[in-house]
Protein backbone atom coordinates (compact mmCIF):
# COMPACT_ATOMS: atom_id res chain seq x y z
CA MET A 1 16.93 -25.51 0.40
CA GLN A 2 15.11 -26.99 -2.53
CA LYS A 3 16.22 -30.46 -1.46
CA ILE A 4 14.98 -29.80 2.10
CA MET A 5 11.59 -28.83 0.68
CA HIS A 6 11.52 -31.93 -1.51
CA ASP A 7 12.49 -34.30 1.33
CA ASN A 8 9.75 -32.85 3.57
CA GLN A 9 6.87 -32.62 1.15
CA GLY A 10 4.53 -34.14 3.70
CA LEU A 11 5.28 -31.61 6.34
CA LEU A 12 5.26 -28.75 3.90
CA SER A 13 2.21 -29.78 1.91
CA TRP A 14 0.39 -26.66 3.00
CA MET A 15 3.03 -24.56 1.21
CA PRO A 16 2.37 -23.35 -2.35
CA LYS A 17 4.22 -25.44 -4.92
CA MET A 18 7.62 -24.14 -6.05
CA GLU A 19 9.19 -25.74 -9.16
CA GLN A 20 12.99 -25.75 -9.65
CA THR A 21 13.05 -22.78 -11.99
CA THR A 22 10.87 -20.77 -9.74
CA PHE A 23 13.18 -21.63 -6.71
CA ASP A 24 16.40 -20.71 -8.60
CA VAL A 25 15.09 -17.42 -9.94
CA SER A 26 13.50 -16.46 -6.61
CA LEU A 27 16.64 -17.18 -4.66
CA VAL A 28 18.69 -15.01 -7.05
CA HIS A 29 16.06 -12.28 -6.68
CA PHE A 30 16.23 -12.56 -2.84
CA LEU A 31 20.05 -12.18 -2.74
CA LEU A 32 19.87 -9.23 -5.07
CA MET A 33 17.27 -7.49 -2.98
CA PHE A 34 19.04 -8.32 0.28
CA GLY A 35 22.22 -6.63 -0.98
CA TYR A 36 20.26 -3.59 -2.23
CA LYS A 37 17.95 -3.22 0.76
CA LEU A 38 20.92 -3.04 3.15
CA PHE A 39 20.88 0.66 2.38
CA SER A 40 17.93 1.47 0.07
CA LEU A 41 15.38 1.84 2.92
CA PHE A 42 17.50 4.66 4.35
CA TYR A 43 18.19 6.29 1.05
CA PRO A 44 15.50 8.98 1.17
CA LEU A 45 16.49 9.81 4.74
CA TYR A 46 20.08 10.04 3.63
CA LEU A 47 19.23 12.36 0.74
CA VAL A 48 17.26 14.62 2.96
CA SER A 49 20.09 14.71 5.55
CA VAL A 50 22.54 16.00 2.87
CA GLY A 51 20.16 18.78 1.86
CA ILE A 52 18.30 17.34 -1.13
CA SER A 53 14.77 18.67 -1.46
CA ILE A 54 11.58 16.57 -1.60
CA VAL A 55 10.99 17.53 -5.28
CA HIS A 56 14.63 16.61 -6.12
CA ILE A 57 14.17 13.22 -4.42
CA GLY A 58 11.18 12.61 -6.67
CA SER A 59 13.21 13.50 -9.73
CA ILE A 60 16.01 11.13 -8.70
CA TYR A 61 13.50 8.28 -8.45
CA PHE A 62 12.04 9.28 -11.81
CA LEU A 63 15.43 9.32 -13.44
CA THR A 64 16.38 5.87 -12.20
CA TYR A 65 13.01 4.20 -13.01
CA PHE A 66 12.71 6.01 -16.38
CA ILE A 67 16.10 4.63 -17.37
CA ILE A 68 14.91 1.18 -16.29
CA SER A 69 11.80 1.40 -18.49
CA VAL A 70 13.74 2.59 -21.55
CA SER A 71 16.48 -0.02 -21.01
CA CYS A 72 13.85 -2.78 -20.79
CA PHE A 73 12.82 -2.03 -24.36
CA VAL A 74 16.46 -1.99 -25.58
CA ILE A 75 17.29 -5.23 -23.77
CA ASN A 76 14.37 -6.97 -25.46
CA PHE A 77 16.39 -6.95 -28.72
CA TYR A 78 19.26 -8.82 -27.02
CA ILE A 79 17.45 -11.23 -24.81
CA SER A 80 16.92 -13.62 -27.70
CA ARG A 81 20.62 -13.51 -28.70
CA ILE A 82 22.16 -13.92 -25.28
CA ASN A 83 21.45 -16.62 -22.68
CA PRO A 84 19.10 -14.80 -20.23
CA ALA A 85 21.22 -16.07 -17.36
CA LYS A 86 24.13 -14.03 -18.66
CA MET A 87 21.96 -10.96 -18.96
CA ALA A 88 20.64 -11.42 -15.44
CA ALA A 89 24.14 -11.87 -14.06
CA LEU A 90 25.25 -8.70 -15.88
CA GLY A 91 22.42 -6.75 -14.29
CA ILE A 92 23.25 -7.99 -10.80
CA PHE A 93 26.89 -7.18 -11.33
CA GLY A 94 25.78 -3.63 -12.22
CA TYR A 95 24.14 -3.34 -8.79
CA GLY A 96 27.55 -4.03 -7.33
CA ILE A 97 29.16 -1.36 -9.54
CA PHE A 98 26.47 1.10 -8.36
CA ALA A 99 27.29 0.42 -4.70
CA LEU A 100 31.04 0.63 -5.46
CA LEU A 101 30.62 4.06 -7.07
CA MET A 102 28.60 5.33 -4.07
CA LEU A 103 31.38 3.98 -1.80
CA LEU A 104 34.27 5.60 -3.70
CA SER A 105 32.91 9.03 -4.52
CA GLN A 106 30.21 11.55 -3.55
CA ASN A 107 30.93 13.67 -6.63
CA ILE A 108 27.60 14.81 -8.22
CA PHE A 109 28.63 13.61 -11.67
CA ILE A 110 29.52 10.14 -10.21
CA PHE A 111 26.22 10.15 -8.33
CA TYR A 112 24.13 10.59 -11.48
CA ALA A 113 26.30 8.17 -13.45
CA ALA A 114 25.58 5.63 -10.76
CA GLN A 115 21.87 6.15 -11.17
CA VAL A 116 22.16 5.45 -14.93
CA ILE A 117 24.10 2.27 -14.22
CA LEU A 118 21.51 1.24 -11.65
CA GLY A 119 18.69 1.83 -14.09
CA PHE A 120 20.26 -0.27 -16.88
CA SER A 121 21.25 -3.01 -14.45
CA ALA A 122 17.72 -3.22 -12.99
CA ALA A 123 16.29 -3.59 -16.49
CA ALA A 124 18.79 -6.33 -17.37
CA TRP A 125 17.96 -8.65 -14.44
CA LEU A 126 14.25 -7.78 -14.36
CA VAL A 127 13.53 -8.55 -18.02
CA SER A 128 15.73 -11.68 -17.89
CA LEU A 129 14.37 -13.25 -14.74
CA LYS A 130 10.73 -12.52 -15.78
CA TYR A 131 11.45 -13.96 -19.20
CA ILE A 132 12.83 -17.14 -17.61
CA LEU A 133 9.66 -17.46 -15.42
CA MET A 134 7.23 -16.72 -18.27
CA ASN A 135 8.99 -19.37 -20.32
CA ALA A 136 9.16 -21.87 -17.49
CA LYS A 137 7.13 -25.08 -17.61
CA THR A 138 5.21 -24.40 -14.48
CA GLU A 139 1.70 -25.44 -13.44
CA ASN A 140 0.71 -21.97 -12.28
CA HIS A 141 2.42 -18.81 -13.38
CA THR A 142 0.53 -16.78 -10.73
CA SER A 143 2.13 -18.79 -7.92
CA SER A 144 5.60 -18.55 -9.59
CA PHE A 145 5.35 -14.79 -9.79
CA GLY A 146 3.90 -14.73 -6.34
CA TRP A 147 7.08 -16.29 -4.98
CA PHE A 148 9.17 -13.97 -7.25
CA TYR A 149 7.42 -10.80 -5.99
CA SER A 150 7.60 -11.96 -2.37
CA MET A 151 11.42 -12.00 -2.33
CA PRO A 152 11.88 -8.26 -1.77
CA SER A 153 9.71 -8.45 1.35
CA TYR A 154 11.60 -11.46 2.62
CA ALA A 155 14.87 -9.50 2.11
CA THR A 156 13.38 -6.52 3.89
CA ALA A 157 12.61 -8.75 6.90
CA ILE A 158 16.35 -8.81 7.77
CA ALA A 159 18.30 -6.50 5.43
CA PRO A 160 17.33 -3.13 7.00
CA ALA A 161 18.20 -4.28 10.46
CA ALA A 162 21.55 -5.62 9.28
CA GLY A 163 22.11 -2.50 7.24
CA GLY A 164 21.21 -0.24 10.13
CA LEU A 165 23.69 -2.02 12.37
CA ILE A 166 26.48 -1.65 9.80
CA ILE A 167 25.62 2.04 9.31
CA TRP A 168 25.71 2.56 13.07
CA LYS A 169 29.16 0.89 13.32
CA PHE A 170 30.83 1.90 10.07
CA GLY A 171 28.63 4.56 8.45
CA PHE A 172 27.30 4.37 4.85
CA SER A 173 30.67 3.35 3.57
CA GLY A 174 30.40 0.09 5.44
CA VAL A 175 26.93 -0.81 4.10
CA PHE A 176 27.96 0.08 0.46
CA PHE A 177 31.01 -2.17 0.86
CA ALA A 178 28.84 -5.07 2.09
CA SER A 179 26.44 -4.51 -0.82
CA VAL A 180 29.35 -4.72 -3.34
CA LEU A 181 30.42 -8.07 -1.98
CA ILE A 182 26.90 -9.56 -1.96
CA GLN A 183 26.06 -8.40 -5.49
CA PHE A 184 29.33 -9.58 -7.05
CA LEU A 185 28.97 -13.04 -5.38
CA ASN A 186 25.31 -13.17 -6.42
CA ALA A 187 26.16 -12.33 -10.05
CA ILE A 188 28.58 -15.27 -10.18
CA TYR A 189 26.04 -17.60 -8.54
CA ALA A 190 23.24 -16.54 -10.85
CA TYR A 191 25.33 -17.15 -13.96
CA PHE A 192 26.52 -20.60 -13.01
CA LYS A 193 23.17 -21.68 -11.48
CA LEU A 194 20.81 -20.48 -14.21
CA ARG A 195 22.84 -20.98 -17.39
CA ASN A 196 22.25 -24.75 -17.34
CA ASN A 197 18.67 -24.52 -16.28
CA ALA A 198 16.53 -26.46 -18.75
CA ASP A 199 13.89 -23.69 -19.03
CA VAL A 200 16.64 -21.16 -19.74
CA ILE A 201 18.22 -23.34 -22.45
CA SER A 202 14.84 -24.04 -24.15
CA SER A 203 14.15 -20.30 -24.26
CA ARG A 204 17.36 -19.41 -25.98
CA GLU A 205 17.62 -18.55 -29.67
CA THR A 206 21.28 -18.59 -30.65
CA LYS A 207 21.05 -17.00 -34.06
CA LYS A 208 21.91 -13.41 -34.63
CA LEU A 209 19.12 -11.11 -35.93
CA THR A 210 19.59 -9.29 -39.18
CA PRO A 211 18.47 -5.66 -39.60
CA GLU A 212 15.42 -6.93 -41.44
CA GLU A 213 14.62 -9.28 -38.56
CA ASN A 214 15.08 -6.39 -36.12
CA ILE A 215 12.40 -4.50 -38.00
CA SER A 216 10.25 -7.66 -37.87
CA GLN A 217 10.79 -7.77 -34.12
CA LEU A 218 9.51 -4.21 -33.84
CA LYS A 219 6.38 -5.30 -35.72
CA LYS A 220 5.78 -7.82 -32.94
CA TYR A 221 4.81 -5.00 -30.61
CA LYS A 222 2.10 -4.00 -33.04
CA GLU A 223 0.90 -7.51 -33.07
CA VAL A 224 0.93 -7.56 -29.28
CA PHE A 225 -1.15 -4.41 -29.18
CA LEU A 226 -3.69 -5.91 -31.58
CA ILE A 227 -3.91 -9.02 -29.42
CA LEU A 228 -4.49 -7.00 -26.26
CA ASN A 229 -6.96 -4.68 -28.05
CA ALA A 230 -8.86 -7.73 -29.43
CA ARG A 231 -10.40 -8.38 -26.10
CA LYS A 232 -12.86 -5.99 -24.52
CA ASN A 233 -11.63 -3.87 -21.59
CA VAL A 234 -8.08 -5.41 -21.53
CA LEU A 235 -6.43 -2.02 -22.25
CA THR A 236 -8.71 -0.34 -19.72
CA MET A 237 -7.60 -2.87 -17.12
CA LEU A 238 -3.89 -2.26 -17.95
CA PHE A 239 -4.45 1.52 -17.65
CA PHE A 240 -5.89 0.95 -14.13
CA ILE A 241 -3.01 -1.28 -13.19
CA PHE A 242 -0.52 1.32 -14.35
CA GLY A 243 -2.27 3.85 -12.16
CA ALA A 244 -1.89 1.57 -9.18
CA LEU A 245 1.85 1.21 -9.99
CA ILE A 246 2.14 5.04 -9.86
CA LEU A 247 0.57 4.94 -6.42
CA GLY A 248 3.16 2.24 -5.49
CA GLY A 249 5.89 4.66 -6.59
CA ILE A 250 4.58 7.38 -4.29
CA TYR A 251 4.57 4.86 -1.44
CA ARG A 252 8.11 3.57 -2.18
CA ALA A 253 9.66 7.03 -2.40
CA PHE A 254 7.97 8.76 0.45
CA PHE A 255 6.55 6.36 3.06
CA VAL A 256 9.64 6.48 5.28
CA LEU A 257 9.54 10.25 5.07
CA LEU A 258 5.92 10.10 6.07
CA LEU A 259 6.93 8.15 9.11
CA GLU A 260 9.64 10.72 9.86
CA ASP A 261 6.92 13.43 9.41
CA LEU A 262 4.94 11.56 12.10
CA SER A 263 7.92 11.96 14.44
CA PHE A 264 9.39 8.48 14.06
CA SER A 265 13.14 8.46 14.72
CA GLN A 266 15.53 6.68 12.37
CA GLU A 267 15.91 3.83 14.87
CA GLU A 268 12.14 3.55 15.23
CA ILE A 269 11.79 3.43 11.38
CA ILE A 270 14.39 0.65 11.22
CA ARG A 271 12.55 -1.42 13.83
CA PHE A 272 9.15 -0.69 12.29
CA MET A 273 10.12 -1.74 8.74
CA SER A 274 12.14 -4.75 9.82
CA LEU A 275 9.33 -6.11 12.03
CA LEU A 276 6.80 -5.33 9.30
CA SER A 277 8.56 -7.46 6.72
CA PHE A 278 9.28 -10.25 9.21
CA VAL A 279 5.60 -10.49 10.16
CA TYR A 280 4.55 -10.23 6.60
CA VAL A 281 6.34 -13.47 5.53
CA PRO A 282 3.50 -15.89 6.53
CA PHE A 283 0.90 -13.55 5.06
CA SER A 284 2.68 -13.57 1.71
CA ILE A 285 2.57 -17.39 1.67
CA LEU A 286 -1.22 -17.17 2.40
CA VAL A 287 -1.68 -14.71 -0.51
CA ILE A 288 0.20 -17.09 -2.84
CA LYS A 289 -2.03 -20.00 -1.73
CA LEU A 290 -5.20 -17.95 -2.26
CA MET A 291 -4.10 -16.80 -5.75
CA ASP A 292 -4.31 -20.47 -6.85
CA ARG A 293 -8.06 -20.36 -6.22
CA ILE A 294 -8.98 -16.97 -7.60
CA ARG A 295 -9.59 -16.01 -11.22
CA LYS A 296 -6.48 -14.31 -12.57
CA GLY A 297 -8.34 -11.29 -13.89
CA ARG A 298 -9.62 -10.62 -10.36
CA ILE A 299 -6.29 -10.96 -8.52
CA ALA A 300 -4.91 -7.64 -9.78
CA SER A 301 -8.25 -5.97 -9.21
CA GLY A 302 -8.32 -7.11 -5.57
CA GLY A 303 -4.75 -5.84 -5.16
CA MET A 304 -5.75 -2.40 -6.48
CA VAL A 305 -8.71 -2.17 -4.09
CA VAL A 306 -6.57 -3.07 -1.14
CA GLU A 307 -3.71 -0.74 -2.01
CA GLY A 308 -6.11 2.14 -2.70
CA ALA A 309 -7.90 1.68 0.59
CA VAL A 310 -4.67 1.46 2.61
CA SER A 311 -3.18 4.54 0.96
CA PHE A 312 -6.33 6.55 1.76
CA LEU A 313 -6.31 5.44 5.34
CA LEU A 314 -2.57 6.15 5.73
CA GLY A 315 -3.37 9.64 4.62
CA ALA A 316 -5.32 9.87 7.87
CA SER A 317 -2.33 8.52 9.81
CA SER A 318 -2.25 11.58 12.13
CA VAL A 319 -5.22 9.97 13.94
CA LEU A 320 -4.03 6.35 13.63
CA SER A 321 -2.03 4.43 16.20
CA VAL A 322 1.27 2.79 15.41
CA GLY A 323 -0.39 -0.58 15.55
CA ALA A 324 -3.03 0.52 12.98
CA ILE A 325 -0.29 1.81 10.67
CA PHE A 326 1.53 -1.52 11.02
CA ILE A 327 -1.58 -3.54 10.12
CA LEU A 328 -2.32 -1.29 7.14
CA ASN A 329 1.15 -1.82 5.79
CA ILE A 330 0.75 -5.60 6.09
CA LEU A 331 -2.42 -5.24 4.04
CA ASP A 332 -0.67 -2.96 1.53
CA SER A 333 2.14 -5.48 1.01
CA MET A 334 -0.48 -8.23 0.43
CA GLY A 335 -2.26 -5.98 -2.07
CA ALA A 336 0.96 -5.12 -3.88
CA LEU A 337 1.86 -8.86 -4.09
CA ALA A 338 -1.55 -9.67 -5.60
CA LEU A 339 -1.32 -6.73 -8.02
CA GLY A 340 2.13 -7.60 -9.25
CA SER A 341 1.60 -11.33 -9.51
CA GLY A 342 -1.79 -10.94 -11.19
CA LYS A 343 -0.36 -8.44 -13.74
CA SER A 344 2.59 -10.67 -14.72
CA ALA A 345 0.41 -13.82 -14.95
CA PHE A 346 -2.10 -11.81 -17.02
CA PHE A 347 0.60 -11.05 -19.56
CA ALA A 348 1.91 -14.58 -19.56
CA LYS A 349 -1.54 -15.90 -20.34
CA LYS A 350 -2.60 -13.29 -22.93
CA LEU A 351 0.78 -13.27 -24.79
CA LYS A 352 1.74 -16.91 -24.83
CA LYS A 353 3.53 -16.64 -28.16
CA TYR A 354 5.27 -13.35 -27.31
CA LYS A 355 7.25 -14.18 -24.15
CA GLU A 356 10.07 -11.65 -24.81
CA GLU A 357 7.62 -8.84 -25.55
CA ALA A 358 5.42 -9.84 -22.62
CA SER A 359 8.33 -9.68 -20.14
CA THR A 360 9.50 -6.40 -21.62
CA ILE A 361 6.12 -4.66 -21.53
CA ASP A 362 5.49 -6.01 -18.05
CA SER A 363 8.86 -4.72 -16.85
CA ILE A 364 8.32 -1.31 -18.49
CA MET A 365 4.96 -0.94 -16.71
CA THR A 366 6.53 -2.10 -13.42
CA THR A 367 9.21 0.48 -13.61
CA LEU A 368 7.69 3.44 -15.46
CA GLY A 369 4.77 3.50 -13.00
CA PRO A 370 7.01 4.03 -9.97
CA ALA A 371 9.03 6.54 -12.03
CA LEU A 372 6.05 8.73 -12.47
CA GLY A 373 4.94 8.00 -8.91
CA GLY A 374 8.28 9.40 -7.57
CA LEU A 375 8.11 12.47 -9.80
CA LEU A 376 4.47 13.34 -9.31
CA GLY A 377 4.61 12.34 -5.62
CA GLY A 378 7.43 14.79 -5.01
CA ILE A 379 5.49 17.59 -6.63
CA ALA A 380 2.23 16.67 -4.81
CA VAL A 381 3.92 16.31 -1.38
CA SER A 382 5.64 19.70 -1.77
CA SER A 383 2.25 21.27 -2.53
CA TRP A 384 -0.26 19.36 -0.45
CA GLY A 385 1.81 17.44 2.14
CA TYR A 386 2.12 13.71 2.74
CA GLN A 387 -1.34 13.03 4.06
CA LYS A 388 -3.42 14.70 1.32
CA THR A 389 -1.23 13.13 -1.32
CA PHE A 390 -1.69 9.61 0.09
CA MET A 391 -5.42 10.17 0.53
CA LEU A 392 -6.11 11.52 -3.00
CA ALA A 393 -3.97 8.89 -4.74
CA GLY A 394 -5.49 6.12 -2.66
CA ALA A 395 -9.08 7.24 -3.40
CA VAL A 396 -8.50 7.25 -7.15
CA ILE A 397 -6.94 3.75 -7.24
CA PHE A 398 -9.63 2.36 -4.91
CA VAL A 399 -12.38 3.47 -7.27
CA ALA A 400 -10.43 2.14 -10.29
CA GLY A 401 -9.86 -1.18 -8.65
CA PHE A 402 -13.47 -1.55 -7.53
CA TYR A 403 -14.68 -0.74 -11.03
CA SER A 404 -12.23 -3.27 -12.60
CA LEU A 405 -13.80 -6.08 -10.59
CA PHE A 406 -16.82 -5.88 -12.88
CA LEU A 407 -14.89 -5.71 -16.19
CA LYS A 408 -15.35 -8.61 -18.61
CA PHE A 409 -12.62 -9.64 -21.02
CA GLU A 410 -14.43 -11.55 -23.73
CA GLU A 411 -13.39 -11.34 -27.40
CA LYS A 412 -14.69 -8.17 -29.15
CA ARG A 413 -17.37 -8.70 -31.73
CA LYS A 414 -16.40 -7.63 -35.28
């Protein structure tokens, strides 16, 4: 694929540039998401069908994402000792173990053990792949992360339809089995493809850290905080971004249930989400192109404004047509891409000398936000319903995003 793009540079000159490292990491991310999204879209529907309450669904999402955020911090101490390609492969392999456990047993203990494995595995590949990208010698980190964050949407363009067909023919056992095969093969591919990558090799520190050096590594987080706090409004901006990630967690956990609440059948949800991601592909490329021309500090702000507005309007979905909901979701995906890419590029720029800490903090924010979103969303939906929850959360994030457009990040005066 990379060779095809290289051989047709003239025809593809309108495409955003993709360096080799960006391509390798993005392809691994795509395969990982494809294997996971074969069944993940239907997971909330499945949980409801077996009698799990809305609040309990929120707590399950919180458990998984909370484990991811804690594991990100732990993995930070090992990412400098182990080739990040190995850590990424381990995380992808863990996704296969998760699907295998779901396939072999429905015991409640096994179910929660699988969530723990999934959480640790997600942290392993997320920190590792982001670390590789932050360390990569790329012309534009925003574009690189734009490609990276687009991969789940590209996977969603085909995975739910394929997964739905497998479920229809073989049940959930069939789709879990397919996911096991994909993740195991992808783990092998990731290890052998990325371990010899020049950017991975240059990022690796082979020495083992002593206990004293571990303490010194902890002190780096204090230094990171001082760096972020040294510029006016940076922490305020990160607080707003974290709030938008919480909103994203509410969307991720409950949007398909919102569609079901609007009388969508499972087949209609499958068609809706598959078509949505398929149509979104060219729009994501447009967003990546636009991000090259926009100030990095404003990319995340624009994403917040769009996501907040869309969430508020989706709260009024009882009076919206299917077409309007479809268009709003295209806009939401564009806003989420801008938010995620702008956030990661922001860390890469502000913390140039702290790549490991930057990738860890970025990953913690990316996962802890949705964790709280799932938990708080479950409580809010149970009390207020889907529509009021989406409207209130959207209004708050819209105001925060609009305000952040006017923030300045100059150095603080002493």
